[in-house]
All heavy atoms as atom14 arrays in JSON, in Angstrom:
{
  "sequence": "YGVLRADQPPLIADDADVSVIAGHLARLAIDTLRGGGSQF",
  "atom14_mask": [
    [1, 1, 1, 1, 1, 1, 1, 1, 1, 1, 1, 1, 0, 0],
    [1, 1, 1, 1, 0, 0, 0, 0, 0, 0, 0, 0, 0, 0],
    [1, 1, 1, 1, 1, 1, 1, 0, 0, 0, 0, 0, 0, 0],
    [1, 1, 1, 1, 1, 1, 1, 1, 0, 0, 0, 0, 0, 0],
    [1, 1, 1, 1, 1, 1, 1, 1, 1, 1, 1, 0, 0, 0],
    [1, 1, 1, 1, 1, 0, 0, 0, 0, 0, 0, 0, 0, 0],
    [1, 1, 1, 1, 1, 1, 1, 1, 0, 0, 0, 0, 0, 0],
    [1, 1, 1, 1, 1, 1, 1, 1, 1, 0, 0, 0, 0, 0],
    [1, 1, 1, 1, 1, 1, 1, 0, 0, 0, 0, 0, 0, 0],
    [1, 1, 1, 1, 1, 1, 1, 0, 0, 0, 0, 0, 0, 0],
    [1, 1, 1, 1, 1, 1, 1, 1, 0, 0, 0, 0, 0, 0],
    [1, 1, 1, 1, 1, 1, 1, 1, 0, 0, 0, 0, 0, 0],
    [1, 1, 1, 1, 1, 0, 0, 0, 0, 0, 0, 0, 0, 0],
    [1, 1, 1, 1, 1, 1, 1, 1, 0, 0, 0, 0, 0, 0],
    [1, 1, 1, 1, 1, 1, 1, 1, 0, 0, 0, 0, 0, 0],
    [1, 1, 1, 1, 1, 0, 0, 0, 0, 0, 0, 0, 0, 0],
    [1, 1, 1, 1, 1, 1, 1, 1, 0, 0, 0, 0, 0, 0],
    [1, 1, 1, 1, 1, 1, 1, 0, 0, 0, 0, 0, 0, 0],
    [1, 1, 1, 1, 1, 1, 0, 0, 0, 0, 0, 0, 0, 0],
    [1, 1, 1, 1, 1, 1, 1, 0, 0, 0, 0, 0, 0, 0],
    [1, 1, 1, 1, 1, 1, 1, 1, 0, 0, 0, 0, 0, 0],
    [1, 1, 1, 1, 1, 0, 0, 0, 0, 0, 0, 0, 0, 0],
    [1, 1, 1, 1, 0, 0, 0, 0, 0, 0, 0, 0, 0, 0],
    [1, 1, 1, 1, 1, 1, 1, 1, 1, 1, 0, 0, 0, 0],
    [1, 1, 1, 1, 1, 1, 1, 1, 0, 0, 0, 0, 0, 0],
    [1, 1, 1, 1, 1, 0, 0, 0, 0, 0, 0, 0, 0, 0],
    [1, 1, 1, 1, 1, 1, 1, 1, 1, 1, 1, 0, 0, 0],
    [1, 1, 1, 1, 1, 1, 1, 1, 0, 0, 0, 0, 0, 0],
    [1, 1, 1, 1, 1, 0, 0, 0, 0, 0, 0, 0, 0, 0],
    [1, 1, 1, 1, 1, 1, 1, 1, 0, 0, 0, 0, 0, 0],
    [1, 1, 1, 1, 1, 1, 1, 1, 0, 0, 0, 0, 0, 0],
    [1, 1, 1, 1, 1, 1, 1, 0, 0, 0, 0, 0, 0, 0],
    [1, 1, 1, 1, 1, 1, 1, 1, 0, 0, 0, 0, 0, 0],
    [1, 1, 1, 1, 1, 1, 1, 1, 1, 1, 1, 0, 0, 0],
    [1, 1, 1, 1, 0, 0, 0, 0, 0, 0, 0, 0, 0, 0],
    [1, 1, 1, 1, 0, 0, 0, 0, 0, 0, 0, 0, 0, 0],
    [1, 1, 1, 1, 0, 0, 0, 0, 0, 0, 0, 0, 0, 0],
    [1, 1, 1, 1, 1, 1, 0, 0, 0, 0, 0, 0, 0, 0],
    [1, 1, 1, 1, 1, 1, 1, 1, 1, 0, 0, 0, 0, 0],
    [1, 1, 1, 1, 1, 1, 1, 1, 1, 1, 1, 0, 0, 0]
  ],
  "atom14_positions": [
    [[0.82, -1.21, 0.0], [0.0, 0.0, 0.0], [0.85, 1.26, 0.0], [0.48, 2.28, -0.57], [-0.93, -0.01, 1.21], [-2.04, -1.03, 1.09], [-1.97, -2.23, 1.78], [-3.12, -0.8, 0.26], [-2.98, -3.18, 1.66], [-4.13, -1.74, 0.14], [-4.06, -2.93, 0.84], [-5.05, -3.85, 0.72], [0.0, 0.0, 0.0], [0.0, 0.0, 0.0]],
    [[1.99, 1.2, 0.66], [2.82, 2.41, 0.73], [3.44, 2.78, -0.59], [3.81, 3.91, -0.83], [0.0, 0.0, 0.0], [0.0, 0.0, 0.0], [0.0, 0.0, 0.0], [0.0, 0.0, 0.0], [0.0, 0.0, 0.0], [0.0, 0.0, 0.0], [0.0, 0.0, 0.0], [0.0, 0.0, 0.0], [0.0, 0.0, 0.0], [0.0, 0.0, 0.0]],
    [[3.6, 1.78, -1.48], [4.22, 2.05, -2.79], [3.34, 1.41, -3.86], [3.78, 0.61, -4.67], [5.66, 1.48, -2.84], [6.6, 2.32, -2.02], [5.71, 0.03, -2.36], [0.0, 0.0, 0.0], [0.0, 0.0, 0.0], [0.0, 0.0, 0.0], [0.0, 0.0, 0.0], [0.0, 0.0, 0.0], [0.0, 0.0, 0.0], [0.0, 0.0, 0.0]],
    [[2.07, 1.76, -3.86], [1.1, 1.16, -4.77], [1.5, 1.42, -6.21], [1.72, 2.57, -6.61], [-0.3, 1.74, -4.49], [-1.47, 1.05, -5.19], [-1.61, -0.38, -4.69], [-2.75, 1.82, -4.94], [0.0, 0.0, 0.0], [0.0, 0.0, 0.0], [0.0, 0.0, 0.0], [0.0, 0.0, 0.0], [0.0, 0.0, 0.0], [0.0, 0.0, 0.0]],
    [[1.62, 0.36, -6.99], [2.04, 0.49, -8.38], [0.84, 0.43, -9.3], [-0.25, 0.01, -8.92], [3.01, -0.65, -8.73], [4.24, -0.71, -7.84], [5.26, -1.69, -8.45], [4.67, -2.99, -8.68], [4.72, -3.99, -7.79], [5.3, -3.8, -6.61], [4.19, -5.16, -8.08], [0.0, 0.0, 0.0], [0.0, 0.0, 0.0], [0.0, 0.0, 0.0]],
    [[1.06, 0.82, -10.56], [-0.02, 0.83, -11.53], [-0.57, -0.57, -11.78], [-1.73, -0.74, -12.13], [0.45, 1.47, -12.83], [0.0, 0.0, 0.0], [0.0, 0.0, 0.0], [0.0, 0.0, 0.0], [0.0, 0.0, 0.0], [0.0, 0.0, 0.0], [0.0, 0.0, 0.0], [0.0, 0.0, 0.0], [0.0, 0.0, 0.0], [0.0, 0.0, 0.0]],
    [[0.3, -1.6, -11.6], [-0.14, -2.96, -11.84], [-0.75, -3.61, -10.61], [-0.99, -4.81, -10.58], [1.02, -3.82, -12.36], [2.16, -3.91, -11.34], [2.17, -3.08, -10.41], [3.01, -4.8, -11.5], [0.0, 0.0, 0.0], [0.0, 0.0, 0.0], [0.0, 0.0, 0.0], [0.0, 0.0, 0.0], [0.0, 0.0, 0.0], [0.0, 0.0, 0.0]],
    [[-0.98, -2.81, -9.56], [-1.61, -3.31, -8.33], [-2.93, -2.58, -8.11], [-2.98, -1.59, -7.39], [-0.7, -3.11, -7.13], [0.51, -4.02, -7.13], [1.35, -3.8, -5.9], [1.51, -2.67, -5.46], [1.88, -4.87, -5.34], [0.0, 0.0, 0.0], [0.0, 0.0, 0.0], [0.0, 0.0, 0.0], [0.0, 0.0, 0.0], [0.0, 0.0, 0.0]],
    [[-3.99, -3.01, -8.77], [-5.29, -2.35, -8.56], [-5.74, -2.53, -7.13], [-5.4, -3.52, -6.48], [-6.21, -3.06, -9.54], [-5.58, -4.41, -9.74], [-4.1, -4.17, -9.67], [0.0, 0.0, 0.0], [0.0, 0.0, 0.0], [0.0, 0.0, 0.0], [0.0, 0.0, 0.0], [0.0, 0.0, 0.0], [0.0, 0.0, 0.0], [0.0, 0.0, 0.0]],
    [[-6.52, -1.6, -6.61], [-6.98, -1.71, -5.22], [-7.93, -2.89, -5.04], [-8.55, -3.37, -5.99], [-7.68, -0.37, -4.97], [-8.09, 0.1, -6.33], [-7.03, -0.39, -7.27], [0.0, 0.0, 0.0], [0.0, 0.0, 0.0], [0.0, 0.0, 0.0], [0.0, 0.0, 0.0], [0.0, 0.0, 0.0], [0.0, 0.0, 0.0], [0.0, 0.0, 0.0]],
    [[-8.04, -3.33, -3.81], [-8.97, -4.4, -3.47], [-10.4, -3.94, -3.74], [-10.79, -2.83, -3.39], [-8.82, -4.74, -1.98], [-9.73, -5.82, -1.42], [-9.26, -7.19, -1.87], [-9.75, -5.75, 0.1], [0.0, 0.0, 0.0], [0.0, 0.0, 0.0], [0.0, 0.0, 0.0], [0.0, 0.0, 0.0], [0.0, 0.0, 0.0], [0.0, 0.0, 0.0]],
    [[-11.18, -4.8, -4.4], [-12.58, -4.49, -4.7], [-13.46, -5.04, -3.57], [-13.6, -6.25, -3.4], [-13.01, -5.07, -6.05], [-12.13, -4.52, -7.18], [-14.47, -4.74, -6.32], [-12.16, -3.01, -7.32], [0.0, 0.0, 0.0], [0.0, 0.0, 0.0], [0.0, 0.0, 0.0], [0.0, 0.0, 0.0], [0.0, 0.0, 0.0], [0.0, 0.0, 0.0]],
    [[-14.0, -4.16, -2.79], [-14.94, -4.5, -1.72], [-15.56, -3.2, -1.25], [-14.91, -2.15, -1.28], [-14.22, -5.21, -0.56], [0.0, 0.0, 0.0], [0.0, 0.0, 0.0], [0.0, 0.0, 0.0], [0.0, 0.0, 0.0], [0.0, 0.0, 0.0], [0.0, 0.0, 0.0], [0.0, 0.0, 0.0], [0.0, 0.0, 0.0], [0.0, 0.0, 0.0]],
    [[-16.82, -3.24, -0.84], [-17.46, -2.01, -0.38], [-17.44, -1.92, 1.14], [-16.97, -2.83, 1.83], [-18.87, -1.86, -0.94], [-19.82, -2.96, -0.5], [-19.6, -3.54, 0.59], [-20.79, -3.24, -1.23], [0.0, 0.0, 0.0], [0.0, 0.0, 0.0], [0.0, 0.0, 0.0], [0.0, 0.0, 0.0], [0.0, 0.0, 0.0], [0.0, 0.0, 0.0]],
    [[-17.95, -0.82, 1.64], [-17.87, -0.56, 3.08], [-18.65, -1.6, 3.88], [-18.26, -1.97, 4.98], [-18.42, 0.84, 3.37], [-18.18, 1.25, 4.8], [-17.02, 1.2, 5.25], [-19.15, 1.62, 5.49], [0.0, 0.0, 0.0], [0.0, 0.0, 0.0], [0.0, 0.0, 0.0], [0.0, 0.0, 0.0], [0.0, 0.0, 0.0], [0.0, 0.0, 0.0]],
    [[-19.77, -2.08, 3.33], [-20.54, -3.1, 4.04], [-19.74, -4.39, 4.19], [-19.75, -5.02, 5.25], [-21.85, -3.37, 3.3], [0.0, 0.0, 0.0], [0.0, 0.0, 0.0], [0.0, 0.0, 0.0], [0.0, 0.0, 0.0], [0.0, 0.0, 0.0], [0.0, 0.0, 0.0], [0.0, 0.0, 0.0], [0.0, 0.0, 0.0], [0.0, 0.0, 0.0]],
    [[-19.01, -4.78, 3.13], [-18.17, -5.98, 3.21], [-17.13, -5.83, 4.31], [-16.96, -6.71, 5.17], [-17.45, -6.21, 1.88], [-18.39, -6.39, 0.71], [-19.48, -6.95, 0.92], [-18.03, -5.97, -0.41], [0.0, 0.0, 0.0], [0.0, 0.0, 0.0], [0.0, 0.0, 0.0], [0.0, 0.0, 0.0], [0.0, 0.0, 0.0], [0.0, 0.0, 0.0]],
    [[-16.43, -4.7, 4.29], [-15.37, -4.47, 5.27], [-15.94, -4.4, 6.68], [-15.38, -4.96, 7.64], [-14.6, -3.17, 4.93], [-13.63, -2.82, 6.05], [-13.85, -3.34, 3.62], [0.0, 0.0, 0.0], [0.0, 0.0, 0.0], [0.0, 0.0, 0.0], [0.0, 0.0, 0.0], [0.0, 0.0, 0.0], [0.0, 0.0, 0.0], [0.0, 0.0, 0.0]],
    [[-17.08, -3.72, 6.84], [-17.66, -3.54, 8.17], [-18.09, -4.87, 8.79], [-17.97, -5.07, 10.0], [-18.85, -2.58, 8.1], [-18.43, -1.29, 7.7], [0.0, 0.0, 0.0], [0.0, 0.0, 0.0], [0.0, 0.0, 0.0], [0.0, 0.0, 0.0], [0.0, 0.0, 0.0], [0.0, 0.0, 0.0], [0.0, 0.0, 0.0], [0.0, 0.0, 0.0]],
    [[-18.6, -5.79, 7.96], [-19.0, -7.09, 8.49], [-17.79, -7.83, 9.03], [-17.8, -8.36, 10.15], [-19.71, -7.93, 7.4], [-19.9, -9.37, 7.87], [-21.06, -7.32, 7.06], [0.0, 0.0, 0.0], [0.0, 0.0, 0.0], [0.0, 0.0, 0.0], [0.0, 0.0, 0.0], [0.0, 0.0, 0.0], [0.0, 0.0, 0.0], [0.0, 0.0, 0.0]],
    [[-16.71, -7.89, 8.25], [-15.51, -8.6, 8.69], [-14.89, -7.88, 9.88], [-14.43, -8.51, 10.84], [-14.5, -8.73, 7.54], [-15.15, -9.43, 6.34], [-13.27, -9.51, 8.0], [-15.73, -10.8, 6.65], [0.0, 0.0, 0.0], [0.0, 0.0, 0.0], [0.0, 0.0, 0.0], [0.0, 0.0, 0.0], [0.0, 0.0, 0.0], [0.0, 0.0, 0.0]],
    [[-14.9, -6.54, 9.87], [-14.37, -5.78, 11.01], [-15.18, -6.07, 12.27], [-14.62, -6.18, 13.36], [-14.4, -4.29, 10.69], [0.0, 0.0, 0.0], [0.0, 0.0, 0.0], [0.0, 0.0, 0.0], [0.0, 0.0, 0.0], [0.0, 0.0, 0.0], [0.0, 0.0, 0.0], [0.0, 0.0, 0.0], [0.0, 0.0, 0.0], [0.0, 0.0, 0.0]],
    [[-16.5, -6.19, 12.13], [-17.32, -6.5, 13.29], [-16.97, -7.84, 13.9], [-16.87, -7.99, 15.12], [0.0, 0.0, 0.0], [0.0, 0.0, 0.0], [0.0, 0.0, 0.0], [0.0, 0.0, 0.0], [0.0, 0.0, 0.0], [0.0, 0.0, 0.0], [0.0, 0.0, 0.0], [0.0, 0.0, 0.0], [0.0, 0.0, 0.0], [0.0, 0.0, 0.0]],
    [[-16.78, -8.84, 13.04], [-16.39, -10.16, 13.54], [-15.0, -10.13, 14.16], [-14.75, -10.79, 15.18], [-16.45, -11.18, 12.41], [-17.85, -11.53, 11.98], [-18.76, -12.11, 12.82], [-18.49, -11.37, 10.79], [-19.91, -12.3, 12.18], [-19.77, -11.86, 10.95], [0.0, 0.0, 0.0], [0.0, 0.0, 0.0], [0.0, 0.0, 0.0], [0.0, 0.0, 0.0]],
    [[-14.09, -9.38, 13.54], [-12.73, -9.28, 14.09], [-12.75, -8.58, 15.45], [-12.07, -9.0, 16.39], [-11.84, -8.51, 13.11], [-10.35, -8.42, 13.47], [-9.73, -9.8, 13.6], [-9.61, -7.59, 12.42], [0.0, 0.0, 0.0], [0.0, 0.0, 0.0], [0.0, 0.0, 0.0], [0.0, 0.0, 0.0], [0.0, 0.0, 0.0], [0.0, 0.0, 0.0]],
    [[-13.56, -7.53, 15.58], [-13.69, -6.84, 16.86], [-14.29, -7.75, 17.92], [-13.85, -7.75, 19.08], [-14.53, -5.57, 16.7], [0.0, 0.0, 0.0], [0.0, 0.0, 0.0], [0.0, 0.0, 0.0], [0.0, 0.0, 0.0], [0.0, 0.0, 0.0], [0.0, 0.0, 0.0], [0.0, 0.0, 0.0], [0.0, 0.0, 0.0], [0.0, 0.0, 0.0]],
    [[-15.3, -8.55, 17.55], [-15.89, -9.47, 18.51], [-14.86, -10.49, 19.0], [-14.8, -10.83, 20.18], [-17.07, -10.23, 17.87], [-18.3, -9.39, 17.65], [-18.97, -8.94, 18.93], [-19.14, -10.03, 19.86], [-18.71, -10.02, 21.11], [-18.08, -8.96, 21.58], [-18.91, -11.05, 21.91], [0.0, 0.0, 0.0], [0.0, 0.0, 0.0], [0.0, 0.0, 0.0]],
    [[-14.04, -10.99, 18.08], [-13.01, -11.96, 18.44], [-11.99, -11.3, 19.38], [-11.52, -11.92, 20.35], [-12.33, -12.48, 17.18], [-11.67, -13.86, 17.24], [-12.65, -14.93, 17.68], [-11.07, -14.21, 15.88], [0.0, 0.0, 0.0], [0.0, 0.0, 0.0], [0.0, 0.0, 0.0], [0.0, 0.0, 0.0], [0.0, 0.0, 0.0], [0.0, 0.0, 0.0]],
    [[-11.63, -10.04, 19.09], [-10.68, -9.32, 19.95], [-11.26, -9.08, 21.34], [-10.59, -9.27, 22.35], [-10.31, -7.99, 19.29], [0.0, 0.0, 0.0], [0.0, 0.0, 0.0], [0.0, 0.0, 0.0], [0.0, 0.0, 0.0], [0.0, 0.0, 0.0], [0.0, 0.0, 0.0], [0.0, 0.0, 0.0], [0.0, 0.0, 0.0], [0.0, 0.0, 0.0]],
    [[-12.53, -8.67, 21.41], [-13.17, -8.41, 22.71], [-13.24, -9.69, 23.53], [-12.94, -9.7, 24.73], [-14.59, -7.83, 22.49], [-14.48, -6.41, 21.89], [-15.38, -7.8, 23.79], [-15.81, -5.87, 21.4], [0.0, 0.0, 0.0], [0.0, 0.0, 0.0], [0.0, 0.0, 0.0], [0.0, 0.0, 0.0], [0.0, 0.0, 0.0], [0.0, 0.0, 0.0]],
    [[-13.62, -10.79, 22.89], [-13.7, -12.07, 23.59], [-12.33, -12.47, 24.14], [-12.23, -13.0, 25.25], [-14.22, -13.14, 22.62], [-14.45, -14.47, 23.28], [-15.53, -14.66, 23.87], [-13.55, -15.32, 23.22], [0.0, 0.0, 0.0], [0.0, 0.0, 0.0], [0.0, 0.0, 0.0], [0.0, 0.0, 0.0], [0.0, 0.0, 0.0], [0.0, 0.0, 0.0]],
    [[-11.28, -12.19, 23.38], [-9.92, -12.52, 23.82], [-9.5, -11.65, 24.99], [-8.9, -12.13, 25.96], [-8.94, -12.35, 22.65], [-9.36, -13.15, 21.53], [-7.53, -12.76, 23.05], [0.0, 0.0, 0.0], [0.0, 0.0, 0.0], [0.0, 0.0, 0.0], [0.0, 0.0, 0.0], [0.0, 0.0, 0.0], [0.0, 0.0, 0.0], [0.0, 0.0, 0.0]],
    [[-9.82, -10.37, 24.94], [-9.42, -9.44, 26.0], [-10.17, -9.67, 27.3], [-9.64, -9.45, 28.39], [-9.63, -8.0, 25.52], [-8.67, -7.5, 24.44], [-9.19, -6.21, 23.82], [-7.28, -7.28, 25.02], [0.0, 0.0, 0.0], [0.0, 0.0, 0.0], [0.0, 0.0, 0.0], [0.0, 0.0, 0.0], [0.0, 0.0, 0.0], [0.0, 0.0, 0.0]],
    [[-11.4, -10.12, 27.21], [-12.18, -10.36, 28.42], [-11.59, -11.48, 29.27], [-11.66, -11.45, 30.5], [-13.61, -10.75, 28.05], [-14.5, -9.6, 27.61], [-15.83, -10.18, 27.17], [-16.81, -9.16, 26.83], [-18.01, -9.44, 26.32], [-18.35, -10.7, 26.1], [-18.86, -8.48, 26.05], [0.0, 0.0, 0.0], [0.0, 0.0, 0.0], [0.0, 0.0, 0.0]],
    [[-11.0, -12.47, 28.6], [-10.48, -13.62, 29.33], [-11.6, -14.53, 29.78], [-12.78, -14.33, 29.47], [0.0, 0.0, 0.0], [0.0, 0.0, 0.0], [0.0, 0.0, 0.0], [0.0, 0.0, 0.0], [0.0, 0.0, 0.0], [0.0, 0.0, 0.0], [0.0, 0.0, 0.0], [0.0, 0.0, 0.0], [0.0, 0.0, 0.0], [0.0, 0.0, 0.0]],
    [[-11.25, -15.56, 30.53], [-12.25, -16.5, 30.98], [-12.73, -17.39, 29.85], [-12.04, -17.59, 28.85], [0.0, 0.0, 0.0], [0.0, 0.0, 0.0], [0.0, 0.0, 0.0], [0.0, 0.0, 0.0], [0.0, 0.0, 0.0], [0.0, 0.0, 0.0], [0.0, 0.0, 0.0], [0.0, 0.0, 0.0], [0.0, 0.0, 0.0], [0.0, 0.0, 0.0]],
    [[-13.93, -17.9, 29.97], [-14.48, -18.78, 28.95], [-14.81, -18.01, 27.68], [-15.28, -16.88, 27.71], [0.0, 0.0, 0.0], [0.0, 0.0, 0.0], [0.0, 0.0, 0.0], [0.0, 0.0, 0.0], [0.0, 0.0, 0.0], [0.0, 0.0, 0.0], [0.0, 0.0, 0.0], [0.0, 0.0, 0.0], [0.0, 0.0, 0.0], [0.0, 0.0, 0.0]],
    [[-14.57, -18.64, 26.54], [-14.81, -18.0, 25.26], [-16.21, -18.29, 24.74], [-16.77, -19.37, 24.98], [-13.78, -18.47, 24.24], [-14.08, -17.97, 22.95], [0.0, 0.0, 0.0], [0.0, 0.0, 0.0], [0.0, 0.0, 0.0], [0.0, 0.0, 0.0], [0.0, 0.0, 0.0], [0.0, 0.0, 0.0], [0.0, 0.0, 0.0], [0.0, 0.0, 0.0]],
    [[-16.77, -17.33, 24.02], [-18.06, -17.52, 23.37], [-17.91, -18.23, 22.03], [-18.9, -18.64, 21.43], [-18.75, -16.18, 23.15], [-19.12, -15.45, 24.43], [-19.79, -14.11, 24.16], [-19.59, -13.52, 23.11], [-20.6, -13.66, 25.1], [0.0, 0.0, 0.0], [0.0, 0.0, 0.0], [0.0, 0.0, 0.0], [0.0, 0.0, 0.0], [0.0, 0.0, 0.0]],
    [[-16.67, -18.35, 21.55], [-16.43, -18.89, 20.22], [-15.94, -20.33, 20.3], [-14.89, -20.6, 20.89], [-15.41, -18.04, 19.47], [-15.89, -16.65, 19.17], [-15.67, -15.61, 20.06], [-16.59, -16.38, 18.01], [-16.12, -14.33, 19.8], [-17.04, -15.1, 17.73], [-16.81, -14.07, 18.63], [0.0, 0.0, 0.0], [0.0, 0.0, 0.0], [0.0, 0.0, 0.0]]
  ]
}
């Protein structure tokens, strides 16, 4: 990303796609930080 070249088109995904995966990643992080028994 820091040296994006002409032959490296950006990733095709919209905000809804990213937000869904980010939500799951945040849930996994929260579950890890809480400690104790996992919900996953």
